[in-house]
C-alpha atoms as a PDB file:
ATOM      1  CA  MET A   1      12.521 -23.838 -44.105  1.00  0.00           C
ATOM      2  CA  CYS A   2      13.316 -20.730 -42.077  1.00  0.00           C
ATOM      3  CA  PRO A   3      10.292 -18.764 -40.810  1.00  0.00           C
ATOM      4  CA  SER A   4       9.405 -15.700 -42.825  1.00  0.00           C
ATOM      5  CA  ASN A   5      10.179 -12.189 -41.633  1.00  0.00           C
ATOM      6  CA  ASP A   6       6.441 -11.607 -41.196  1.00  0.00           C
ATOM      7  CA  SER A   7       6.168 -14.618 -38.895  1.00  0.00           C
ATOM      8  CA  GLU A   8       9.128 -13.488 -36.822  1.00  0.00           C
ATOM      9  CA  GLU A   9       7.727  -9.982 -36.557  1.00  0.00           C
ATOM     10  CA  LEU A  10       4.310 -11.317 -35.507  1.00  0.00           C
ATOM     11  CA  ALA A  11       5.903 -13.525 -32.843  1.00  0.00           C
ATOM     12  CA  THR A  12       7.837 -10.538 -31.505  1.00  0.00           C
ATOM     13  CA  ILE A  13       4.668  -8.414 -31.319  1.00  0.00           C
ATOM     14  CA  VAL A  14       2.720 -11.180 -29.558  1.00  0.00           C
ATOM     15  CA  ASP A  15       5.506 -11.663 -27.008  1.00  0.00           C
ATOM     16  CA  SER A  16       5.701  -7.921 -26.384  1.00  0.00           C
ATOM     17  CA  LEU A  17       1.924  -7.711 -25.853  1.00  0.00           C
ATOM     18  CA  ARG A  18       1.996 -10.691 -23.499  1.00  0.00           C
ATOM     19  CA  ARG A  19       4.718  -9.106 -21.344  1.00  0.00           C
ATOM     20  CA  ALA A  20       2.872  -5.776 -21.320  1.00  0.00           C
ATOM     21  CA  LEU A  21      -0.327  -7.521 -20.201  1.00  0.00           C
ATOM     22  CA  GLU A  22       1.515  -9.311 -17.396  1.00  0.00           C
ATOM     23  CA  ARG A  23       2.940  -5.988 -16.150  1.00  0.00           C
ATOM     24  CA  ARG A  24      -0.522  -4.396 -16.169  1.00  0.00           C
ATOM     25  CA  GLN A  25      -2.002  -7.317 -14.228  1.00  0.00           C
ATOM     26  CA  ARG A  26       0.736  -7.107 -11.593  1.00  0.00           C
ATOM     27  CA  ALA A  27       0.013  -3.392 -11.281  1.00  0.00           C
ATOM     28  CA  GLY A  28      -3.591  -4.131 -10.384  1.00  0.00           C
ATOM     29  CA  VAL A  29      -4.921  -3.250 -13.834  1.00  0.00           C
ATOM     30  CA  ARG A  30      -7.479  -5.952 -14.481  1.00  0.00           C
ATOM     31  CA  VAL A  31      -9.241  -4.699 -17.631  1.00  0.00           C
ATOM     32  CA  VAL A  32      -7.245  -4.041 -20.774  1.00  0.00           C
ATOM     33  CA  ALA A  33      -9.626  -2.689 -23.391  1.00  0.00           C
ATOM     34  CA  ARG A  34     -11.109   0.677 -22.513  1.00  0.00           C
ATOM     35  CA  SER A  35     -12.967   0.924 -25.821  1.00  0.00           C
ATOM     36  CA  LEU A  36     -15.715  -1.470 -24.713  1.00  0.00           C
ATOM     37  CA  PRO A  37     -18.923   0.155 -23.483  1.00  0.00           C
ATOM     38  CA  PRO A  38     -19.557  -0.125 -19.731  1.00  0.00           C
ATOM     39  CA  ASP A  39     -22.246  -2.803 -20.124  1.00  0.00           C
ATOM     40  CA  ARG A  40     -19.822  -5.051 -22.029  1.00  0.00           C
ATOM     41  CA  ARG A  41     -16.737  -4.664 -19.857  1.00  0.00           C
ATOM     42  CA  PRO A  42     -15.841  -7.836 -17.926  1.00  0.00           C
ATOM     43  CA  ASN A  43     -16.277  -7.819 -14.174  1.00  0.00           C
ATOM     44  CA  SER A  44     -13.217  -8.732 -12.152  1.00  0.00           C
ATOM     45  CA  ALA A  45     -12.703  -8.811  -8.418  1.00  0.00           C
ATOM     46  CA  PRO A  46      -9.341  -7.655  -7.059  1.00  0.00           C
ATOM     47  CA  ASN A  47      -7.352  -9.807  -4.679  1.00  0.00           C
ATOM     48  CA  THR A  48      -8.968  -9.180  -1.300  1.00  0.00           C
ATOM     49  CA  SER A  49      -6.720 -11.279   0.923  1.00  0.00           C
ATOM     50  CA  ILE A  50      -4.807  -9.894   3.893  1.00  0.00           C
ATOM     51  CA  ASP A  51      -7.690  -7.682   4.926  1.00  0.00           C
ATOM     52  CA  ALA A  52      -7.917  -5.845   1.615  1.00  0.00           C
ATOM     53  CA  LYS A  53     -11.173  -3.940   1.902  1.00  0.00           C
ATOM     54  CA  PRO A  54     -13.718  -3.833  -0.915  1.00  0.00           C
ATOM     55  CA  MET A  55     -15.598  -0.562  -1.230  1.00  0.00           C
ATOM     56  CA  LYS A  56     -19.230  -0.389  -0.370  1.00  0.00           C
ATOM     57  CA  PRO A  57     -21.431   0.406  -3.391  1.00  0.00           C
ATOM     58  CA  THR A  58     -22.120   3.910  -2.097  1.00  0.00           C
ATOM     59  CA  GLU A  59     -18.559   4.600  -1.011  1.00  0.00           C
ATOM     60  CA  SER A  60     -16.154   6.611  -3.156  1.00  0.00           C
ATOM     61  CA  PRO A  61     -12.423   6.995  -2.539  1.00  0.00           C
ATOM     62  CA  PRO A  62     -11.210  10.120  -0.770  1.00  0.00           C
ATOM     63  CA  ASN A  63      -9.784  12.753  -3.093  1.00  0.00           C
ATOM     64  CA  LEU A  64      -6.477  14.424  -2.265  1.00  0.00           C
ATOM     65  CA  PHE A  65      -6.755  17.025  -5.030  1.00  0.00           C
ATOM     66  CA  LYS A  66      -7.466  20.706  -4.629  1.00  0.00           C
ATOM     67  CA  SER A  67     -10.605  22.031  -6.298  1.00  0.00           C
ATOM     68  CA  GLU A  68      -8.641  23.533  -9.191  1.00  0.00           C
ATOM     69  CA  GLU A  69      -7.036  20.136  -9.898  1.00  0.00           C
ATOM     70  CA  ALA A  70     -10.179  18.047  -9.561  1.00  0.00           C
ATOM     71  CA  ALA A  71     -11.176  18.234 -13.248  1.00  0.00           C
ATOM     72  CA  SER A  72      -7.906  16.805 -14.578  1.00  0.00           C
ATOM     73  CA  PRO A  73      -7.978  13.336 -16.223  1.00  0.00           C
ATOM     74  CA  VAL A  74      -5.629  12.053 -13.518  1.00  0.00           C
ATOM     75  CA  ALA A  75      -7.864  13.253 -10.679  1.00  0.00           C
ATOM     76  CA  GLN A  76     -10.945  11.914 -12.458  1.00  0.00           C
ATOM     77  CA  ALA A  77      -9.529   8.400 -12.981  1.00  0.00           C
ATOM     78  CA  ALA A  78     -11.953   5.944 -11.391  1.00  0.00           C
ATOM     79  CA  ASN A  79      -9.518   3.031 -11.118  1.00  0.00           C
ATOM     80  CA  LEU A  80      -5.875   2.159 -11.654  1.00  0.00           C
ATOM     81  CA  GLU A  81      -6.456   1.252 -15.296  1.00  0.00           C
ATOM     82  CA  GLU A  82      -7.927   4.665 -16.043  1.00  0.00           C
ATOM     83  CA  LEU A  83      -5.117   6.336 -14.114  1.00  0.00           C
ATOM     84  CA  ARG A  84      -2.474   4.488 -16.138  1.00  0.00           C
ATOM     85  CA  ALA A  85      -4.278   5.491 -19.329  1.00  0.00           C
ATOM     86  CA  ALA A  86      -4.422   9.127 -18.169  1.00  0.00           C
ATOM     87  CA  ILE A  87      -0.661   9.113 -17.574  1.00  0.00           C
ATOM     88  CA  GLY A  88      -0.116   7.659 -21.038  1.00  0.00           C
ATOM     89  CA  ASP A  89       3.268   8.355 -22.623  1.00  0.00           C
ATOM     90  CA  CYS A  90       3.991  11.078 -20.075  1.00  0.00           C
ATOM     91  CA  ARG A  91       6.234  13.941 -21.243  1.00  0.00           C
ATOM     92  CA  LEU A  92       5.814  16.289 -18.294  1.00  0.00           C
ATOM     93  CA  CYS A  93       9.467  16.257 -17.229  1.00  0.00           C
ATOM     94  CA  LYS A  94      12.888  15.545 -18.676  1.00  0.00           C
ATOM     95  CA  LEU A  95      13.030  11.984 -17.316  1.00  0.00           C
ATOM     96  CA  CYS A  96      10.863  10.810 -20.218  1.00  0.00           C
ATOM     97  CA  SER A  97      13.749  11.178 -22.671  1.00  0.00           C
ATOM     98  CA  GLY A  98      15.843   8.435 -21.095  1.00  0.00           C
ATOM     99  CA  ARG A  99      13.307   5.862 -19.998  1.00  0.00           C
ATOM    100  CA  THR A 100      12.727   2.405 -21.436  1.00  0.00           C
ATOM    101  CA  ASN A 101       9.461   1.859 -19.556  1.00  0.00           C
ATOM    102  CA  LEU A 102       7.298   4.052 -17.384  1.00  0.00           C
ATOM    103  CA  VAL A 103       7.119   2.224 -14.030  1.00  0.00           C
ATOM    104  CA  PHE A 104       3.569   2.627 -12.759  1.00  0.00           C
ATOM    105  CA  GLY A 105       3.242   0.359  -9.731  1.00  0.00           C
ATOM    106  CA  VAL A 106       2.456  -3.231  -8.799  1.00  0.00           C
ATOM    107  CA  GLY A 107       0.334  -5.149  -6.324  1.00  0.00           C
ATOM    108  CA  ASN A 108      -3.127  -5.446  -4.849  1.00  0.00           C
ATOM    109  CA  PRO A 109      -5.309  -2.500  -5.962  1.00  0.00           C
ATOM    110  CA  ARG A 110      -7.106  -2.573  -2.580  1.00  0.00           C
ATOM    111  CA  ALA A 111      -4.037  -3.237  -0.434  1.00  0.00           C
ATOM    112  CA  PRO A 112      -4.151  -2.192   3.229  1.00  0.00           C
ATOM    113  CA  LEU A 113      -0.381  -1.596   3.106  1.00  0.00           C
ATOM    114  CA  MET A 114       1.462   0.487   0.509  1.00  0.00           C
ATOM    115  CA  PHE A 115       5.207   0.945   0.044  1.00  0.00           C
ATOM    116  CA  VAL A 116       6.401   4.109  -1.687  1.00  0.00           C
ATOM    117  CA  GLY A 117       9.977   4.322  -2.916  1.00  0.00           C
ATOM    118  CA  GLU A 118      12.011   6.977  -4.644  1.00  0.00           C
ATOM    119  CA  GLY A 119      12.241   6.050  -8.322  1.00  0.00           C
ATOM    120  CA  PRO A 120      13.023   3.197 -10.716  1.00  0.00           C
ATOM    121  CA  GLY A 121      16.544   1.897 -11.184  1.00  0.00           C
ATOM    122  CA  ARG A 122      18.026   0.117 -14.183  1.00  0.00           C
ATOM    123  CA  ASP A 123      16.264  -3.214 -13.628  1.00  0.00           C
ATOM    124  CA  GLU A 124      12.953  -1.501 -12.943  1.00  0.00           C
ATOM    125  CA  ASP A 125      13.274   0.635 -16.068  1.00  0.00           C
ATOM    126  CA  LEU A 126      13.921  -2.443 -18.195  1.00  0.00           C
ATOM    127  CA  GLN A 127      11.102  -4.531 -16.724  1.00  0.00           C
ATOM    128  CA  GLY A 128       8.527  -1.791 -16.125  1.00  0.00           C
ATOM    129  CA  GLU A 129       7.967  -2.920 -12.519  1.00  0.00           C
ATOM    130  CA  PRO A 130       9.148  -1.311  -9.246  1.00  0.00           C
ATOM    131  CA  PHE A 131      11.662  -2.947  -6.911  1.00  0.00           C
ATOM    132  CA  VAL A 132      12.822  -5.906  -8.985  1.00  0.00           C
ATOM    133  CA  GLY A 133      16.612  -5.463  -8.611  1.00  0.00           C
ATOM    134  CA  ARG A 134      18.812  -6.142  -5.576  1.00  0.00           C
ATOM    135  CA  ALA A 135      17.032  -3.544  -3.458  1.00  0.00           C
ATOM    136  CA  GLY A 136      13.733  -5.032  -4.609  1.00  0.00           C
ATOM    137  CA  GLN A 137      14.772  -8.479  -3.432  1.00  0.00           C
ATOM    138  CA  LEU A 138      15.559  -7.033  -0.020  1.00  0.00           C
ATOM    139  CA  LEU A 139      12.131  -5.352   0.079  1.00  0.00           C
ATOM    140  CA  THR A 140      10.527  -8.660  -0.903  1.00  0.00           C
ATOM    141  CA  ASP A 141      12.362 -10.345   1.988  1.00  0.00           C
ATOM    142  CA  ILE A 142      11.079  -7.677   4.379  1.00  0.00           C
ATOM    143  CA  ILE A 143       7.511  -8.311   3.203  1.00  0.00           C
ATOM    144  CA  THR A 144       7.577 -12.101   2.970  1.00  0.00           C
ATOM    145  CA  LYS A 145      10.082 -13.162   5.633  1.00  0.00           C
ATOM    146  CA  GLY A 146       9.724 -10.292   8.076  1.00  0.00           C
ATOM    147  CA  MET A 147       6.041  -9.386   7.789  1.00  0.00           C
ATOM    148  CA  LYS A 148       4.826 -12.867   6.738  1.00  0.00           C
ATOM    149  CA  MET A 149       2.828 -11.378   3.873  1.00  0.00           C
ATOM    150  CA  ARG A 150       2.856 -11.988   0.152  1.00  0.00           C
ATOM    151  CA  ARG A 151       4.345  -9.323  -2.079  1.00  0.00           C
ATOM    152  CA  GLU A 152       1.202  -9.385  -4.245  1.00  0.00           C
ATOM    153  CA  ASP A 153      -0.956  -8.469  -1.234  1.00  0.00           C
ATOM    154  CA  VAL A 154       0.687  -5.056  -0.774  1.00  0.00           C
ATOM    155  CA  TYR A 155       1.020  -2.256  -3.320  1.00  0.00           C
ATOM    156  CA  ILE A 156       4.416  -0.888  -4.356  1.00  0.00           C
ATOM    157  CA  ALA A 157       4.998   2.379  -6.212  1.00  0.00           C
ATOM    158  CA  ASN A 158       7.529   5.187  -6.513  1.00  0.00           C
ATOM    159  CA  VAL A 159       7.487   8.959  -6.196  1.00  0.00           C
ATOM    160  CA  VAL A 160       8.739   9.318  -9.772  1.00  0.00           C
ATOM    161  CA  LYS A 161       7.691   6.869 -12.473  1.00  0.00           C
ATOM    162  CA  CYS A 162      10.733   7.128 -14.762  1.00  0.00           C
ATOM    163  CA  ARG A 163      14.357   6.303 -14.027  1.00  0.00           C
ATOM    164  CA  PRO A 164      16.621   9.263 -13.222  1.00  0.00           C
ATOM    165  CA  PRO A 165      19.844   9.046 -15.292  1.00  0.00           C
ATOM    166  CA  ASN A 166      22.538   6.949 -13.609  1.00  0.00           C
ATOM    167  CA  ASN A 167      20.194   6.480 -10.638  1.00  0.00           C
ATOM    168  CA  ARG A 168      20.761  10.044  -9.483  1.00  0.00           C
ATOM    169  CA  ASN A 169      18.372  11.614  -6.990  1.00  0.00           C
ATOM    170  CA  PRO A 170      15.092  12.876  -8.477  1.00  0.00           C
ATOM    171  CA  GLU A 171      15.014  16.642  -8.842  1.00  0.00           C
ATOM    172  CA  PRO A 172      12.258  18.896  -7.446  1.00  0.00           C
ATOM    173  CA  ASP A 173      10.613  19.538 -10.825  1.00  0.00           C
ATOM    174  CA  GLU A 174      10.529  15.793 -11.540  1.00  0.00           C
ATOM    175  CA  VAL A 175       8.947  15.035  -8.170  1.00  0.00           C
ATOM    176  CA  ALA A 176       6.383  17.802  -8.745  1.00  0.00           C
ATOM    177  CA  ALA A 177       5.508  16.497 -12.223  1.00  0.00           C
ATOM    178  CA  CYS A 178       4.819  12.985 -10.878  1.00  0.00           C
ATOM    179  CA  GLU A 179       3.109  14.025  -7.648  1.00  0.00           C
ATOM    180  CA  PRO A 180      -0.470  13.937  -9.045  1.00  0.00           C
ATOM    181  CA  PHE A 181       0.062  10.360 -10.249  1.00  0.00           C
ATOM    182  CA  LEU A 182       1.124   9.135  -6.820  1.00  0.00           C
ATOM    183  CA  LYS A 183      -1.637  11.085  -5.091  1.00  0.00           C
ATOM    184  CA  ARG A 184      -4.292   9.444  -7.238  1.00  0.00           C
ATOM    185  CA  GLN A 185      -2.744   6.009  -6.740  1.00  0.00           C
ATOM    186  CA  ILE A 186      -3.036   6.487  -2.998  1.00  0.00           C
ATOM    187  CA  ASP A 187      -6.577   7.822  -3.476  1.00  0.00           C
ATOM    188  CA  LEU A 188      -7.680   4.747  -5.392  1.00  0.00           C
ATOM    189  CA  ILE A 189      -5.892   2.106  -3.326  1.00  0.00           C
ATOM    190  CA  GLY A 190      -6.912   3.613   0.019  1.00  0.00           C
ATOM    191  CA  PRO A 191      -4.235   1.946   2.170  1.00  0.00           C
ATOM    192  CA  LYS A 192      -4.471   1.975   5.934  1.00  0.00           C
ATOM    193  CA  ILE A 193      -0.701   2.364   6.244  1.00  0.00           C
ATOM    194  CA  ILE A 194       2.021   3.740   3.962  1.00  0.00           C
ATOM    195  CA  VAL A 195       5.692   2.871   4.419  1.00  0.00           C
ATOM    196  CA  ALA A 196       7.871   5.584   2.866  1.00  0.00           C
ATOM    197  CA  LEU A 197      11.171   4.084   1.743  1.00  0.00           C
ATOM    198  CA  GLY A 198      13.995   6.586   1.971  1.00  0.00           C
ATOM    199  CA  LYS A 199      14.479  10.319   2.128  1.00  0.00           C
ATOM    200  CA  PHE A 200      12.772  11.377  -1.085  1.00  0.00           C
ATOM    201  CA  ALA A 201       9.629   9.329  -0.540  1.00  0.00           C
ATOM    202  CA  ALA A 202       9.273  10.535   3.055  1.00  0.00           C
ATOM    203  CA  GLN A 203      10.002  14.172   2.245  1.00  0.00           C
ATOM    204  CA  ALA A 204       7.704  14.224  -0.790  1.00  0.00           C
ATOM    205  CA  LEU A 205       4.764  12.716   1.085  1.00  0.00           C
ATOM    206  CA  LEU A 206       5.263  14.723   4.271  1.00  0.00           C
ATOM    207  CA  GLN A 207       6.283  17.964   2.536  1.00  0.00           C
ATOM    208  CA  SER A 208       9.265  18.088   4.869  1.00  0.00           C
ATOM    209  CA  ASN A 209      12.967  18.821   4.548  1.00  0.00           C
ATOM    210  CA  ALA A 210      13.854  16.817   7.643  1.00  0.00           C
ATOM    211  CA  PRO A 211      16.453  14.074   7.117  1.00  0.00           C
ATOM    212  CA  ILE A 212      15.276  10.483   6.984  1.00  0.00           C
ATOM    213  CA  SER A 213      17.324   9.727  10.088  1.00  0.00           C
ATOM    214  CA  ARG A 214      15.025  12.053  12.026  1.00  0.00           C
ATOM    215  CA  LEU A 215      11.785  11.031  10.319  1.00  0.00           C
ATOM    216  CA  ARG A 216      12.187   7.261  10.474  1.00  0.00           C
ATOM    217  CA  GLY A 217      10.761   5.219  13.303  1.00  0.00           C
ATOM    218  CA  ASN A 218       8.042   7.744  14.120  1.00  0.00           C
ATOM    219  CA  TRP A 219       4.422   7.684  13.007  1.00  0.00           C
ATOM    220  CA  HIS A 220       3.258  10.504  10.753  1.00  0.00           C
ATOM    221  CA  THR A 221       0.069  11.026   8.763  1.00  0.00           C
ATOM    222  CA  TYR A 222      -0.557  11.634   5.089  1.00  0.00           C
ATOM    223  CA  HIS A 223      -4.065  13.030   4.623  1.00  0.00           C
ATOM    224  CA  GLY A 224      -5.306  10.886   7.481  1.00  0.00           C
ATOM    225  CA  ILE A 225      -3.332   7.767   6.474  1.00  0.00           C
ATOM    226  CA  LYS A 226      -0.733   6.476   8.937  1.00  0.00           C
ATOM    227  CA  LEU A 227       2.753   6.786   7.480  1.00  0.00           C
ATOM    228  CA  MET A 228       5.994   5.202   8.666  1.00  0.00           C
ATOM    229  CA  PRO A 229       9.241   6.430   7.079  1.00  0.00           C
ATOM    230  CA  THR A 230      12.219   4.097   7.071  1.00  0.00           C
ATOM    231  CA  PHE A 231      15.498   3.668   5.223  1.00  0.00           C
ATOM    232  CA  HIS A 232      15.435   2.675   1.553  1.00  0.00           C
ATOM    233  CA  PRO A 233      16.494  -0.930   0.797  1.00  0.00           C
ATOM    234  CA  ALA A 234      19.256   0.394  -1.486  1.00  0.00           C
ATOM    235  CA  TYR A 235      20.683   2.256   1.502  1.00  0.00           C
ATOM    236  CA  LEU A 236      20.689  -0.996   3.473  1.00  0.00           C
ATOM    237  CA  LEU A 237      22.744  -2.696   0.763  1.00  0.00           C
ATOM    238  CA  ARG A 238      25.425  -0.100   1.419  1.00  0.00           C
ATOM    239  CA  ASN A 239      24.876   0.045   5.192  1.00  0.00           C
ATOM    240  CA  PRO A 240      23.806  -3.442   6.322  1.00  0.00           C
ATOM    241  CA  ALA A 241      24.322  -2.561   9.995  1.00  0.00           C
ATOM    242  CA  ASP A 242      21.205  -0.373   9.809  1.00  0.00           C
ATOM    243  CA  LYS A 243      18.968  -3.302   8.905  1.00  0.00           C
ATOM    244  CA  LYS A 244      18.169  -3.585  12.606  1.00  0.00           C
ATOM    245  CA  LEU A 245      16.732  -0.051  12.542  1.00  0.00           C
ATOM    246  CA  VAL A 246      14.490  -0.884   9.614  1.00  0.00           C
ATOM    247  CA  TRP A 247      13.338  -4.025  11.386  1.00  0.00           C
ATOM    248  CA  GLU A 248      12.389  -1.867  14.395  1.00  0.00           C
ATOM    249  CA  ASP A 249      10.319   0.341  12.072  1.00  0.00           C
ATOM    250  CA  ILE A 250       8.693  -2.638  10.374  1.00  0.00           C
ATOM    251  CA  GLN A 251       7.800  -4.178  13.734  1.00  0.00           C
ATOM    252  CA  LYS A 252       5.874  -0.996  14.518  1.00  0.00           C
ATOM    253  CA  VAL A 253       4.027  -1.362  11.219  1.00  0.00           C
ATOM    254  CA  ILE A 254       3.203  -5.008  11.989  1.00  0.00           C
ATOM    255  CA  LYS A 255       1.883  -4.049  15.423  1.00  0.00           C
ATOM    256  CA  GLU A 256      -0.249  -1.273  13.946  1.00  0.00           C
ATOM    257  CA  MET A 257      -1.684  -3.591  11.301  1.00  0.00           C
ATOM    258  CA  GLN A 258      -2.543  -6.141  13.968  1.00  0.00           C
ATOM    259  CA  SER A 259      -4.260  -3.388  15.944  1.00  0.00           C
ATOM    260  CA  GLU A 260      -6.202  -2.316  12.840  1.00  0.00           C
ATOM    261  CA  ASN A 261      -7.339  -5.903  12.263  1.00  0.00           C
ATOM    262  CA  ALA A 262      -8.256  -6.631  15.903  1.00  0.00           C
END
């Protein structure tokens, strides 16, 4: 006997929920149900390997928001789960009309190292996770083979959370609409070092119009956090000869992390 339509529909819903839960867990979202009262919510400890730093009970994350922005739900989010809920089904810019999935971020919610890219591509839009296509594989190689770290021990996000059509460059209004989301992610994660991947990530974080060729390889700061711009992995797929320049930048990051951990 063939399964009923109801059974097939239920199986589809269960599979969809399972995949959504897996994406949330990879993004550092450990608690799913926000409707439970605080005294009934399960406790969960984030991955604290690779010198991820738990907060002291009296310590609160720094806040990058101006006073007039501080009351917004995004600025008030106390963890990545609340931030994702505050973003919701975002409709603040025109990118929402063409997305399959909003791509929030993935990794250790207390990572000492954070990578910030430009925006999701086709594979990322379909899977709801940043850097999972060819450029993502190259970034994974940089992290695992070059830096000798696990991908799940860093945090990876993008300046814009929805895919620009045909992978075009994000436009200024789109970057501005997503900026509070990225700011609060950085607030909550509290990385020691940020690696800005490509022109748009570096320019958005540094509020600079300088080309990536001038910014890369030099240390900058983002609200007191050390920031190293380098070329985007997608650029390296088109210009493999410049991989040596990115490796020079990454070696500086490795040295700085070793100094931080000494």
